[in-house]
């Protein structure tokens, strides 16, 4: 028993030491579904990820190598959505828009919808919601105590995209509710406080040749993120499951517009059991990708330099000695 305890302590020691210090490298921090916002005014990178008990944690860095934190910038109240038992925050994203900062969060609950299937995962209240603050570190305030997206839909992984001055939320309609997961868009009001129109389907999970049907008979769609190509095309990365596990693929809108039509690249961008990617630019202009890998048990954030070829995106090299 002592030997088992001793081995466990040795395994946990690096993570305990990292948690007790103010500085760490990403390889020392367990996290998944992270987002990095470069803030040019402060020349600081802000990384956000979920935390225990419905929180959002934030780390900051000047060089993407050494990180300080974490700081808890949001903690979900127990009865945040009236009548719902809150169960956690998924996939936080931090965006700057018109001199304010917005958290796009997926709130998960244990409160079941009425549309249950036999021998299927519970269909619960789960949805994407927008919070606002004057600072990238908060305090953040919700516009309402309910999802920004329609409450009867199981939605997740909402992200912000602005086209010709119109803000949109692009999100995933959960496979648990509809079997074949989708990626959809909905227009937002000017202050991002609510939707201003109906959802529009962009594509379904089974349209990508690399995205395999899962044993439960579903196709997963996760984590959309965007880049406007030098060729005028609009690239979207998103995640599902391929032969190597969790996988990031590339969808291309040749029109350069969010409405598409979208075509799926046959070869994924990353296929080594890693996903939920997010695209951002370094302060020197280098295009970057963050994702977590592996997908279970020992998740770590990995950073890559990527290239816009005009036709697609490709990974050039790992960043930071990964």
Protein backbone atom coordinates (compact mmCIF):
# COMPACT_ATOMS: atom_id res chain seq x y z
CA UNK A 1 0.00 0.00 0.00
CA UNK A 2 2.84 2.41 0.89
CA UNK A 3 4.62 1.65 -2.40
CA UNK A 4 1.44 2.42 -4.33
CA UNK A 5 1.00 5.68 -2.41
CA UNK A 6 4.66 6.57 -3.00
CA UNK A 7 4.39 6.01 -6.77
CA UNK A 8 1.17 8.06 -6.88
CA UNK A 9 2.85 10.90 -5.01
CA UNK A 10 5.80 10.91 -7.40
CA UNK A 11 3.42 11.02 -10.35
CA UNK A 12 1.44 13.91 -8.91
CA UNK A 13 4.41 15.92 -7.59
CA UNK A 14 5.12 17.93 -10.79
CA UNK A 15 1.48 18.95 -11.04
CA UNK A 16 1.28 19.86 -7.34
CA UNK A 17 4.42 21.98 -7.63
CA UNK A 18 3.07 23.71 -10.73
CA UNK A 19 -0.19 24.46 -8.93
CA UNK A 20 1.68 26.05 -6.00
CA UNK A 21 3.73 28.39 -8.19
CA UNK A 22 2.71 31.42 -10.20
CA UNK A 23 4.60 30.39 -13.32
CA UNK A 24 4.34 27.23 -15.37
CA UNK A 25 4.68 25.81 -18.85
CA UNK A 26 1.68 24.37 -20.65
CA UNK A 27 3.18 20.88 -20.53
CA UNK A 28 2.80 21.03 -16.73
CA UNK A 29 -0.89 21.95 -16.75
CA UNK A 30 -3.77 19.52 -17.26
CA UNK A 31 -6.43 21.14 -19.43
CA UNK A 32 -8.58 20.68 -22.53
CA UNK A 33 -10.67 22.83 -24.91
CA UNK A 34 -8.54 25.94 -24.37
CA UNK A 35 -8.58 29.28 -26.20
CA UNK A 36 -5.82 31.89 -26.50
CA UNK A 37 -6.61 35.58 -27.04
CA UNK A 38 -3.68 37.84 -28.04
CA UNK A 39 -4.35 41.33 -26.65
CA UNK A 40 -2.24 43.86 -28.62
CA UNK A 41 -2.79 46.71 -26.16
CA UNK A 42 -1.03 44.88 -23.34
CA UNK A 43 1.08 42.56 -25.56
CA UNK A 44 -0.29 39.72 -23.45
CA UNK A 45 -1.68 36.33 -24.39
CA UNK A 46 -4.72 35.28 -22.36
CA UNK A 47 -5.47 31.57 -22.16
CA UNK A 48 -8.80 30.39 -20.77
CA UNK A 49 -9.95 26.87 -19.93
CA UNK A 50 -12.56 25.32 -17.68
CA UNK A 51 -11.92 24.80 -13.97
CA UNK A 52 -13.44 22.56 -11.32
CA UNK A 53 -16.91 23.26 -9.98
CA UNK A 54 -18.14 25.33 -12.91
CA UNK A 55 -15.32 27.85 -13.08
CA UNK A 56 -13.18 29.39 -15.80
CA UNK A 57 -9.44 29.72 -15.18
CA UNK A 58 -7.10 32.10 -16.95
CA UNK A 59 -3.34 32.08 -17.54
CA UNK A 60 -1.30 34.92 -19.04
CA UNK A 61 1.96 34.98 -20.97
CA UNK A 62 4.18 37.38 -22.92
CA UNK A 63 5.87 34.73 -25.07
CA UNK A 64 3.51 31.70 -25.17
CA UNK A 65 6.14 29.68 -23.29
CA UNK A 66 6.03 30.80 -19.65
CA UNK A 67 2.55 31.21 -18.18
CA UNK A 68 1.35 32.83 -14.96
CA UNK A 69 -1.77 31.77 -13.14
CA UNK A 70 -4.30 30.43 -12.81
CA UNK A 71 -6.81 33.09 -11.88
CA UNK A 72 -10.49 32.19 -11.65
CA UNK A 73 -12.32 34.75 -13.80
CA UNK A 74 -15.79 33.19 -13.64
CA UNK A 75 -17.56 30.95 -11.14
CA UNK A 76 -21.01 29.67 -12.00
CA UNK A 77 -23.65 30.26 -9.30
CA UNK A 78 -25.38 27.08 -8.15
CA UNK A 79 -28.79 28.17 -9.45
CA UNK A 80 -27.57 30.14 -12.44
CA UNK A 81 -30.29 28.84 -14.78
CA UNK A 82 -33.55 28.75 -12.82
CA UNK A 83 -34.81 25.21 -12.35
CA UNK A 84 -31.53 23.63 -13.50
CA UNK A 85 -28.87 21.74 -11.59
CA UNK A 86 -25.65 23.20 -12.98
CA UNK A 87 -22.94 20.63 -13.75
CA UNK A 88 -19.99 22.55 -15.16
CA UNK A 89 -18.53 24.80 -17.85
CA UNK A 90 -17.17 23.49 -21.14
CA UNK A 91 -14.88 25.00 -23.76
CA UNK A 92 -14.63 28.69 -22.74
CA UNK A 93 -13.59 31.16 -25.42
CA UNK A 94 -12.45 34.76 -24.83
CA UNK A 95 -13.03 37.32 -27.57
CA UNK A 96 -12.46 41.04 -27.90
CA UNK A 97 -15.19 42.89 -29.80
CA UNK A 98 -15.76 46.67 -29.96
CA UNK A 99 -13.55 47.42 -26.92
CA UNK A 100 -15.25 44.90 -24.66
CA UNK A 101 -14.35 41.32 -23.80
CA UNK A 102 -16.73 38.41 -24.15
CA UNK A 103 -16.70 34.90 -22.72
CA UNK A 104 -18.48 32.34 -24.85
CA UNK A 105 -19.26 29.46 -22.48
CA UNK A 106 -21.05 26.14 -22.76
CA UNK A 107 -23.00 25.44 -19.60
CA UNK A 108 -23.82 21.83 -18.83
CA UNK A 109 -26.57 20.74 -16.43
CA UNK A 110 -28.02 17.55 -14.97
CA UNK A 111 -31.56 18.67 -15.74
CA UNK A 112 -33.12 16.37 -18.30
CA UNK A 113 -35.18 17.42 -21.28
CA UNK A 114 -38.48 15.62 -21.84
CA UNK A 115 -37.25 13.94 -25.04
CA UNK A 116 -35.42 10.92 -23.61
CA UNK A 117 -34.54 7.83 -25.68
CA UNK A 118 -34.24 4.32 -24.32
CA UNK A 119 -30.63 3.04 -24.16
CA UNK A 120 -29.25 6.48 -25.02
CA UNK A 121 -27.30 9.13 -23.17
CA UNK A 122 -29.48 11.50 -21.12
CA UNK A 123 -30.61 14.54 -23.08
CA UNK A 124 -30.06 17.46 -20.73
CA UNK A 125 -30.20 21.23 -20.69
CA UNK A 126 -26.89 22.22 -22.26
CA UNK A 127 -26.20 25.43 -24.16
CA UNK A 128 -23.84 28.19 -25.22
CA UNK A 129 -24.08 31.61 -23.58
CA UNK A 130 -22.28 34.97 -23.85
CA UNK A 131 -20.90 36.99 -20.89
CA UNK A 132 -19.36 40.49 -21.08
CA UNK A 133 -16.68 42.50 -19.25
CA UNK A 134 -14.56 45.63 -19.68
CA UNK A 135 -11.36 43.69 -18.97
CA UNK A 136 -10.05 40.36 -20.31
CA UNK A 137 -9.90 39.15 -16.71
CA UNK A 138 -13.42 40.28 -15.80
CA UNK A 139 -15.52 40.60 -13.80
CA UNK A 140 -17.86 39.04 -16.37
CA UNK A 141 -21.60 39.58 -16.34
CA UNK A 142 -24.26 37.47 -18.08
CA UNK A 143 -26.90 39.18 -20.18
CA UNK A 144 -29.50 36.72 -18.86
CA UNK A 145 -29.82 33.62 -16.71
CA UNK A 146 -30.39 31.34 -19.68
CA UNK A 147 -28.53 30.24 -22.83
CA UNK A 148 -27.99 32.76 -25.61
CA UNK A 149 -28.98 30.02 -28.07
CA UNK A 150 -32.46 28.44 -28.17
CA UNK A 151 -33.18 26.63 -24.91
CA UNK A 152 -34.72 23.55 -26.54
CA UNK A 153 -31.48 22.79 -28.38
CA UNK A 154 -28.46 21.00 -26.89
CA UNK A 155 -25.68 23.29 -28.10
CA UNK A 156 -21.99 23.64 -27.34
CA UNK A 157 -18.69 25.23 -28.39
CA UNK A 158 -20.04 28.61 -29.46
CA UNK A 159 -17.51 30.93 -31.10
CA UNK A 160 -17.64 34.47 -32.49
CA UNK A 161 -17.28 35.42 -36.16
CA UNK A 162 -17.90 38.90 -37.58
CA UNK A 163 -18.71 39.36 -41.26
CA UNK A 164 -19.36 42.78 -42.80
CA UNK A 165 -20.06 44.21 -39.37
CA UNK A 166 -22.58 41.50 -38.41
CA UNK A 167 -21.60 39.33 -35.43
CA UNK A 168 -22.49 35.64 -35.60
CA UNK A 169 -22.27 32.80 -33.15
CA UNK A 170 -21.13 29.58 -34.80
CA UNK A 171 -21.78 26.52 -32.66
CA UNK A 172 -22.35 22.78 -32.64
CA UNK A 173 -25.77 21.17 -32.32
CA UNK A 174 -25.06 18.25 -30.01
CA UNK A 175 -25.08 14.74 -31.49
CA UNK A 176 -26.66 13.48 -28.26
CA UNK A 177 -29.86 15.23 -29.34
CA UNK A 178 -29.79 14.79 -33.12
CA UNK A 179 -27.40 11.81 -33.69
CA UNK A 180 -25.65 13.42 -36.68
CA UNK A 181 -24.03 16.46 -35.09
CA UNK A 182 -24.06 19.74 -37.02
CA UNK A 183 -22.28 23.06 -37.16
CA UNK A 184 -24.65 25.99 -37.41
CA UNK A 185 -24.65 29.80 -37.29
CA UNK A 186 -27.03 32.34 -35.83
CA UNK A 187 -26.91 36.17 -36.01
CA UNK A 188 -26.33 38.08 -32.79
CA UNK A 189 -27.47 41.52 -31.73
CA UNK A 190 -24.90 44.30 -32.03
CA UNK A 191 -23.93 44.03 -28.33
CA UNK A 192 -23.94 40.18 -28.48
CA UNK A 193 -26.66 40.12 -25.81
CA UNK A 194 -29.03 37.81 -27.70
CA UNK A 195 -29.72 36.21 -31.06
CA UNK A 196 -31.34 38.33 -33.74
CA UNK A 197 -32.51 35.61 -36.13
CA UNK A 198 -32.93 31.89 -36.64
CA UNK A 199 -30.18 29.25 -36.75
CA UNK A 200 -28.80 28.29 -40.17
CA UNK A 201 -27.26 24.87 -40.89
CA UNK A 202 -23.72 24.97 -42.32
CA UNK A 203 -22.98 21.23 -42.51
CA UNK A 204 -23.42 17.86 -40.82
CA UNK A 205 -20.76 15.72 -39.19
CA UNK A 206 -21.04 12.85 -41.65
CA UNK A 207 -20.14 15.11 -44.59
CA UNK A 208 -16.41 14.89 -43.76
CA UNK A 209 -14.83 11.66 -45.09
CA UNK A 210 -12.39 11.48 -42.18
CA UNK A 211 -15.13 11.78 -39.49
CA UNK A 212 -16.13 8.23 -38.58
CA UNK A 213 -19.48 7.07 -37.25
CA UNK A 214 -19.08 6.23 -33.58
CA UNK A 215 -20.23 3.01 -31.85
CA UNK A 216 -23.33 4.80 -30.54
CA UNK A 217 -24.37 5.44 -34.14
CA UNK A 218 -23.49 9.14 -34.18
CA UNK A 219 -21.18 11.65 -35.83
CA UNK A 220 -19.50 14.16 -33.50
CA UNK A 221 -18.98 17.85 -34.30
CA UNK A 222 -16.86 19.96 -31.91
CA UNK A 223 -14.94 23.20 -31.65
CA UNK A 224 -15.26 25.39 -34.78
CA UNK A 225 -12.62 28.09 -35.30
CA UNK A 226 -11.93 30.33 -38.32
CA UNK A 227 -9.26 31.91 -40.49
CA UNK A 228 -9.69 34.07 -43.59
CA UNK A 229 -7.17 32.84 -46.18
CA UNK A 230 -4.86 35.00 -48.23
CA UNK A 231 -6.70 33.45 -51.20
CA UNK A 232 -10.02 34.90 -50.06
CA UNK A 233 -11.34 31.54 -48.90
CA UNK A 234 -12.69 31.09 -45.40
CA UNK A 235 -11.24 28.13 -43.49
CA UNK A 236 -12.99 26.50 -40.56
CA UNK A 237 -11.30 23.92 -38.37
CA UNK A 238 -13.53 21.60 -36.36
CA UNK A 239 -13.20 18.29 -34.54
CA UNK A 240 -14.68 14.82 -34.72
CA UNK A 241 -13.27 11.29 -34.52
CA UNK A 242 -11.09 9.63 -37.14
CA UNK A 243 -8.95 6.49 -37.30
CA UNK A 244 -6.44 7.99 -34.85
CA UNK A 245 -9.00 9.13 -32.27
CA UNK A 246 -9.96 12.75 -31.71
CA UNK A 247 -9.22 14.62 -34.95
CA UNK A 248 -9.16 18.17 -36.37
CA UNK A 249 -10.35 18.67 -39.93
CA UNK A 250 -10.59 21.65 -42.28
CA UNK A 251 -13.74 22.85 -44.03
CA UNK A 252 -13.42 25.42 -46.83
CA UNK A 253 -15.85 28.09 -47.98
CA UNK A 254 -14.64 29.04 -51.46
CA UNK A 255 -17.00 32.03 -51.45
CA UNK A 256 -15.14 33.40 -48.44
CA UNK A 257 -18.46 33.78 -46.65
CA UNK A 258 -19.74 32.14 -43.52
CA UNK A 259 -22.86 30.90 -45.32
CA UNK A 260 -20.63 28.78 -47.56
CA UNK A 261 -21.24 26.45 -49.27
CA UNK A 262 -18.76 24.40 -47.26
CA UNK A 263 -16.67 21.53 -48.61
CA UNK A 264 -14.68 19.17 -46.42
CA UNK A 265 -11.01 18.41 -46.97
CA UNK A 266 -10.48 14.65 -47.21
CA UNK A 267 -7.29 14.73 -45.11
CA UNK A 268 -7.48 16.08 -41.56
CA UNK A 269 -5.21 18.78 -40.17
CA UNK A 270 -4.35 16.75 -37.03
CA UNK A 271 -5.23 13.10 -36.46
CA UNK A 272 -3.15 11.91 -33.48
CA UNK A 273 -5.93 11.81 -30.85
CA UNK A 274 -6.04 15.57 -30.35
CA UNK A 275 -8.66 18.16 -31.05
CA UNK A 276 -10.86 21.08 -30.18
CA UNK A 277 -8.50 23.42 -31.99
CA UNK A 278 -8.41 27.20 -31.88
CA UNK A 279 -6.67 29.48 -34.39
CA UNK A 280 -4.97 32.75 -33.44
CA UNK A 281 -2.08 34.95 -34.58
CA UNK A 282 1.09 35.61 -32.64
CA UNK A 283 2.10 39.25 -32.21
CA UNK A 284 4.69 38.75 -34.96
CA UNK A 285 1.93 37.63 -37.36
CA UNK A 286 2.64 33.89 -37.25
CA UNK A 287 -0.54 31.82 -37.54
CA UNK A 288 -0.95 29.48 -34.56
CA UNK A 289 -3.05 26.49 -33.59
CA UNK A 290 -3.82 25.26 -30.09
CA UNK A 291 -5.44 21.90 -29.33
CA UNK A 292 -5.40 19.33 -26.55
CA UNK A 293 -3.86 15.89 -26.91
CA UNK A 294 -4.39 13.13 -25.93
CA UNK A 295 -8.14 13.39 -25.60
CA UNK A 296 -8.50 11.49 -22.32
CA UNK A 297 -6.77 11.10 -18.97
CA UNK A 298 -3.59 13.13 -19.55
CA UNK A 299 -4.83 16.05 -21.64
CA UNK A 300 -2.30 18.79 -22.34
CA UNK A 301 -2.47 21.89 -24.51
CA UNK A 302 -0.18 21.76 -27.52
CA UNK A 303 0.78 24.71 -29.72
CA UNK A 304 1.71 24.54 -33.39
CA UNK A 305 2.83 27.01 -36.03
CA UNK A 306 0.55 26.54 -39.03
CA UNK A 307 0.63 27.75 -42.63
CA UNK A 308 -2.08 29.16 -44.88
CA UNK A 309 -1.29 27.70 -48.30
CA UNK A 310 -4.23 29.47 -49.94
CA UNK A 311 -5.85 26.09 -50.56
CA UNK A 312 -5.87 24.80 -47.00
CA UNK A 313 -4.12 24.96 -43.63
CA UNK A 314 -1.18 22.76 -42.67
CA UNK A 315 0.91 22.28 -39.54
CA UNK A 316 4.49 23.49 -39.96
CA UNK A 317 6.05 22.61 -36.61
CA UNK A 318 5.30 22.28 -32.89
CA UNK A 319 5.93 25.42 -30.85
CA UNK A 320 7.74 25.75 -27.56
CA UNK A 321 9.81 22.58 -27.58
CA UNK A 322 6.75 20.32 -27.69
